[in-house]
Amino acid sequence: MNQFWTVTVQLEIENDRGRVQKVKENYLVDAVSATDAEAKIYKEFTGESNFSVTGVNKSKIIKVIE
């Protein structure tokens, strides 16, 4: 059974002044385990070199209704 995981990703982006900033973003991932959630994030960021996964936590969300 899949669960939802909150994955925190730290990115380095260049702002409009040319300075590199570190930004944290949270992603909600539907996965069977924390390892699976992290693997899905790495797949999503294929080709990017300026990111790192800083946290994976089980979400309290039980269902997403579309």
N, C-alpha and C. Protein backbone atom coordinates (compact mmCIF):
# COMPACT_ATOMS: atom_id res chain seq x y z
N MET A 1 0.83 -1.19 0.00
CA MET A 1 0.00 0.00 0.00
C MET A 1 0.88 1.25 0.00
N ASN A 2 0.61 2.13 -0.92
CA ASN A 2 1.38 3.36 -0.99
C ASN A 2 0.98 4.34 0.10
N GLN A 3 1.92 5.16 0.48
CA GLN A 3 1.70 6.22 1.46
C GLN A 3 2.22 7.51 0.85
N PHE A 4 1.92 8.61 1.51
CA PHE A 4 2.44 9.88 1.05
C PHE A 4 3.62 10.30 1.92
N TRP A 5 4.64 10.82 1.27
CA TRP A 5 5.88 11.24 1.93
C TRP A 5 6.18 12.68 1.56
N THR A 6 6.61 13.46 2.53
CA THR A 6 7.05 14.83 2.28
C THR A 6 8.56 14.80 2.14
N VAL A 7 9.05 15.19 0.98
CA VAL A 7 10.48 15.18 0.70
C VAL A 7 10.96 16.63 0.57
N THR A 8 11.95 16.99 1.37
CA THR A 8 12.52 18.33 1.33
C THR A 8 13.76 18.31 0.46
N VAL A 9 13.78 19.21 -0.52
CA VAL A 9 14.89 19.30 -1.47
C VAL A 9 15.51 20.68 -1.35
N GLN A 10 16.83 20.72 -1.25
CA GLN A 10 17.55 22.00 -1.23
C GLN A 10 18.15 22.23 -2.61
N LEU A 11 17.81 23.38 -3.20
CA LEU A 11 18.28 23.73 -4.53
C LEU A 11 19.17 24.96 -4.46
N GLU A 12 20.12 25.03 -5.37
CA GLU A 12 20.92 26.25 -5.53
C GLU A 12 20.48 26.89 -6.84
N ILE A 13 19.88 28.07 -6.73
CA ILE A 13 19.42 28.77 -7.92
C ILE A 13 20.09 30.13 -8.01
N GLU A 14 20.21 30.63 -9.22
CA GLU A 14 20.81 31.94 -9.45
C GLU A 14 19.68 32.96 -9.53
N ASN A 15 19.77 34.02 -8.70
CA ASN A 15 18.72 35.04 -8.74
C ASN A 15 18.98 36.03 -9.86
N ASP A 16 18.14 37.04 -9.97
CA ASP A 16 18.25 38.00 -11.06
C ASP A 16 19.49 38.89 -10.97
N ARG A 17 20.15 38.91 -9.83
CA ARG A 17 21.39 39.67 -9.66
C ARG A 17 22.63 38.82 -9.90
N GLY A 18 22.43 37.56 -10.24
CA GLY A 18 23.56 36.68 -10.50
C GLY A 18 24.13 35.99 -9.28
N ARG A 19 23.48 36.14 -8.14
CA ARG A 19 23.94 35.50 -6.91
C ARG A 19 23.29 34.13 -6.77
N VAL A 20 24.03 33.19 -6.24
CA VAL A 20 23.50 31.84 -6.02
C VAL A 20 22.85 31.81 -4.64
N GLN A 21 21.60 31.36 -4.61
CA GLN A 21 20.85 31.25 -3.37
C GLN A 21 20.45 29.81 -3.13
N LYS A 22 20.41 29.43 -1.85
CA LYS A 22 19.92 28.11 -1.48
C LYS A 22 18.44 28.24 -1.12
N VAL A 23 17.62 27.41 -1.74
CA VAL A 23 16.18 27.43 -1.53
C VAL A 23 15.73 26.02 -1.18
N LYS A 24 14.83 25.91 -0.20
CA LYS A 24 14.27 24.61 0.16
C LYS A 24 12.85 24.53 -0.37
N GLU A 25 12.54 23.39 -0.99
CA GLU A 25 11.20 23.13 -1.51
C GLU A 25 10.72 21.80 -0.97
N ASN A 26 9.41 21.70 -0.73
CA ASN A 26 8.81 20.45 -0.24
C ASN A 26 7.99 19.82 -1.35
N TYR A 27 8.12 18.51 -1.49
CA TYR A 27 7.38 17.75 -2.49
C TYR A 27 6.61 16.66 -1.78
N LEU A 28 5.37 16.43 -2.22
CA LEU A 28 4.55 15.35 -1.72
C LEU A 28 4.67 14.21 -2.71
N VAL A 29 5.15 13.06 -2.22
CA VAL A 29 5.44 11.93 -3.10
C VAL A 29 4.62 10.72 -2.66
N ASP A 30 3.99 10.07 -3.62
CA ASP A 30 3.24 8.84 -3.38
C ASP A 30 4.21 7.67 -3.58
N ALA A 31 4.56 6.98 -2.49
CA ALA A 31 5.57 5.92 -2.56
C ALA A 31 5.30 4.87 -1.49
N VAL A 32 5.95 3.72 -1.63
CA VAL A 32 5.76 2.63 -0.67
C VAL A 32 6.69 2.74 0.53
N SER A 33 7.79 3.51 0.40
CA SER A 33 8.74 3.67 1.51
C SER A 33 9.49 4.97 1.34
N ALA A 34 10.24 5.34 2.36
CA ALA A 34 11.06 6.56 2.30
C ALA A 34 12.11 6.44 1.20
N THR A 35 12.68 5.27 1.06
CA THR A 35 13.69 5.04 0.02
C THR A 35 13.09 5.19 -1.37
N ASP A 36 11.89 4.68 -1.55
CA ASP A 36 11.19 4.80 -2.83
C ASP A 36 10.88 6.27 -3.13
N ALA A 37 10.45 7.02 -2.12
CA ALA A 37 10.14 8.44 -2.30
C ALA A 37 11.39 9.21 -2.72
N GLU A 38 12.50 8.92 -2.07
CA GLU A 38 13.76 9.59 -2.41
C GLU A 38 14.19 9.23 -3.83
N ALA A 39 14.02 7.98 -4.22
CA ALA A 39 14.39 7.55 -5.58
C ALA A 39 13.54 8.26 -6.62
N LYS A 40 12.25 8.47 -6.32
CA LYS A 40 11.38 9.18 -7.26
C LYS A 40 11.81 10.64 -7.41
N ILE A 41 12.28 11.25 -6.34
CA ILE A 41 12.77 12.64 -6.42
C ILE A 41 14.02 12.69 -7.28
N TYR A 42 14.95 11.76 -7.06
CA TYR A 42 16.16 11.75 -7.88
C TYR A 42 15.83 11.54 -9.36
N LYS A 43 14.82 10.73 -9.64
CA LYS A 43 14.40 10.52 -11.03
C LYS A 43 13.81 11.81 -11.60
N GLU A 44 13.03 12.52 -10.79
CA GLU A 44 12.41 13.78 -11.21
C GLU A 44 13.47 14.85 -11.53
N PHE A 45 14.57 14.84 -10.78
CA PHE A 45 15.61 15.85 -10.94
C PHE A 45 16.78 15.35 -11.81
N THR A 46 16.54 14.35 -12.64
CA THR A 46 17.58 13.84 -13.54
C THR A 46 18.11 14.98 -14.40
N GLY A 47 19.44 15.11 -14.45
CA GLY A 47 20.07 16.17 -15.23
C GLY A 47 20.40 17.40 -14.42
N GLU A 48 19.83 17.53 -13.24
CA GLU A 48 20.13 18.65 -12.34
C GLU A 48 21.30 18.27 -11.44
N SER A 49 22.20 19.18 -11.23
CA SER A 49 23.34 18.87 -10.36
C SER A 49 23.35 19.73 -9.10
N ASN A 50 22.46 20.69 -9.03
CA ASN A 50 22.49 21.64 -7.92
C ASN A 50 21.36 21.41 -6.92
N PHE A 51 21.14 20.16 -6.53
CA PHE A 51 20.10 19.86 -5.55
C PHE A 51 20.57 18.75 -4.62
N SER A 52 19.94 18.69 -3.46
CA SER A 52 20.17 17.58 -2.54
C SER A 52 18.90 17.35 -1.73
N VAL A 53 18.67 16.10 -1.40
CA VAL A 53 17.52 15.73 -0.57
C VAL A 53 17.96 15.90 0.88
N THR A 54 17.24 16.74 1.62
CA THR A 54 17.62 17.01 3.00
C THR A 54 16.70 16.36 4.03
N GLY A 55 15.56 15.82 3.57
CA GLY A 55 14.67 15.17 4.52
C GLY A 55 13.55 14.39 3.84
N VAL A 56 13.16 13.29 4.46
CA VAL A 56 12.02 12.49 3.99
C VAL A 56 11.21 12.11 5.22
N ASN A 57 9.95 12.54 5.24
CA ASN A 57 9.09 12.27 6.38
C ASN A 57 7.75 11.74 5.91
N LYS A 58 7.18 10.82 6.68
CA LYS A 58 5.86 10.30 6.36
C LYS A 58 4.85 11.42 6.57
N SER A 59 3.97 11.61 5.59
CA SER A 59 2.96 12.65 5.66
C SER A 59 1.73 12.14 6.40
N LYS A 60 1.00 13.07 7.00
CA LYS A 60 -0.26 12.71 7.65
C LYS A 60 -1.41 12.66 6.65
N ILE A 61 -1.14 13.06 5.42
CA ILE A 61 -2.16 13.01 4.37
C ILE A 61 -2.45 11.55 4.05
N ILE A 62 -3.71 11.18 4.03
CA ILE A 62 -4.06 9.78 3.76
C ILE A 62 -4.62 9.57 2.37
N LYS A 63 -5.15 10.64 1.75
CA LYS A 63 -5.75 10.48 0.44
C LYS A 63 -5.80 11.84 -0.27
N VAL A 64 -5.53 11.80 -1.58
CA VAL A 64 -5.65 12.98 -2.40
C VAL A 64 -6.83 12.74 -3.34
N ILE A 65 -7.79 13.63 -3.29
CA ILE A 65 -8.99 13.49 -4.11
C ILE A 65 -8.88 14.48 -5.26
N GLU A 66 -9.00 13.98 -6.46
CA GLU A 66 -8.89 14.85 -7.64
C GLU A 66 -10.23 15.22 -8.18
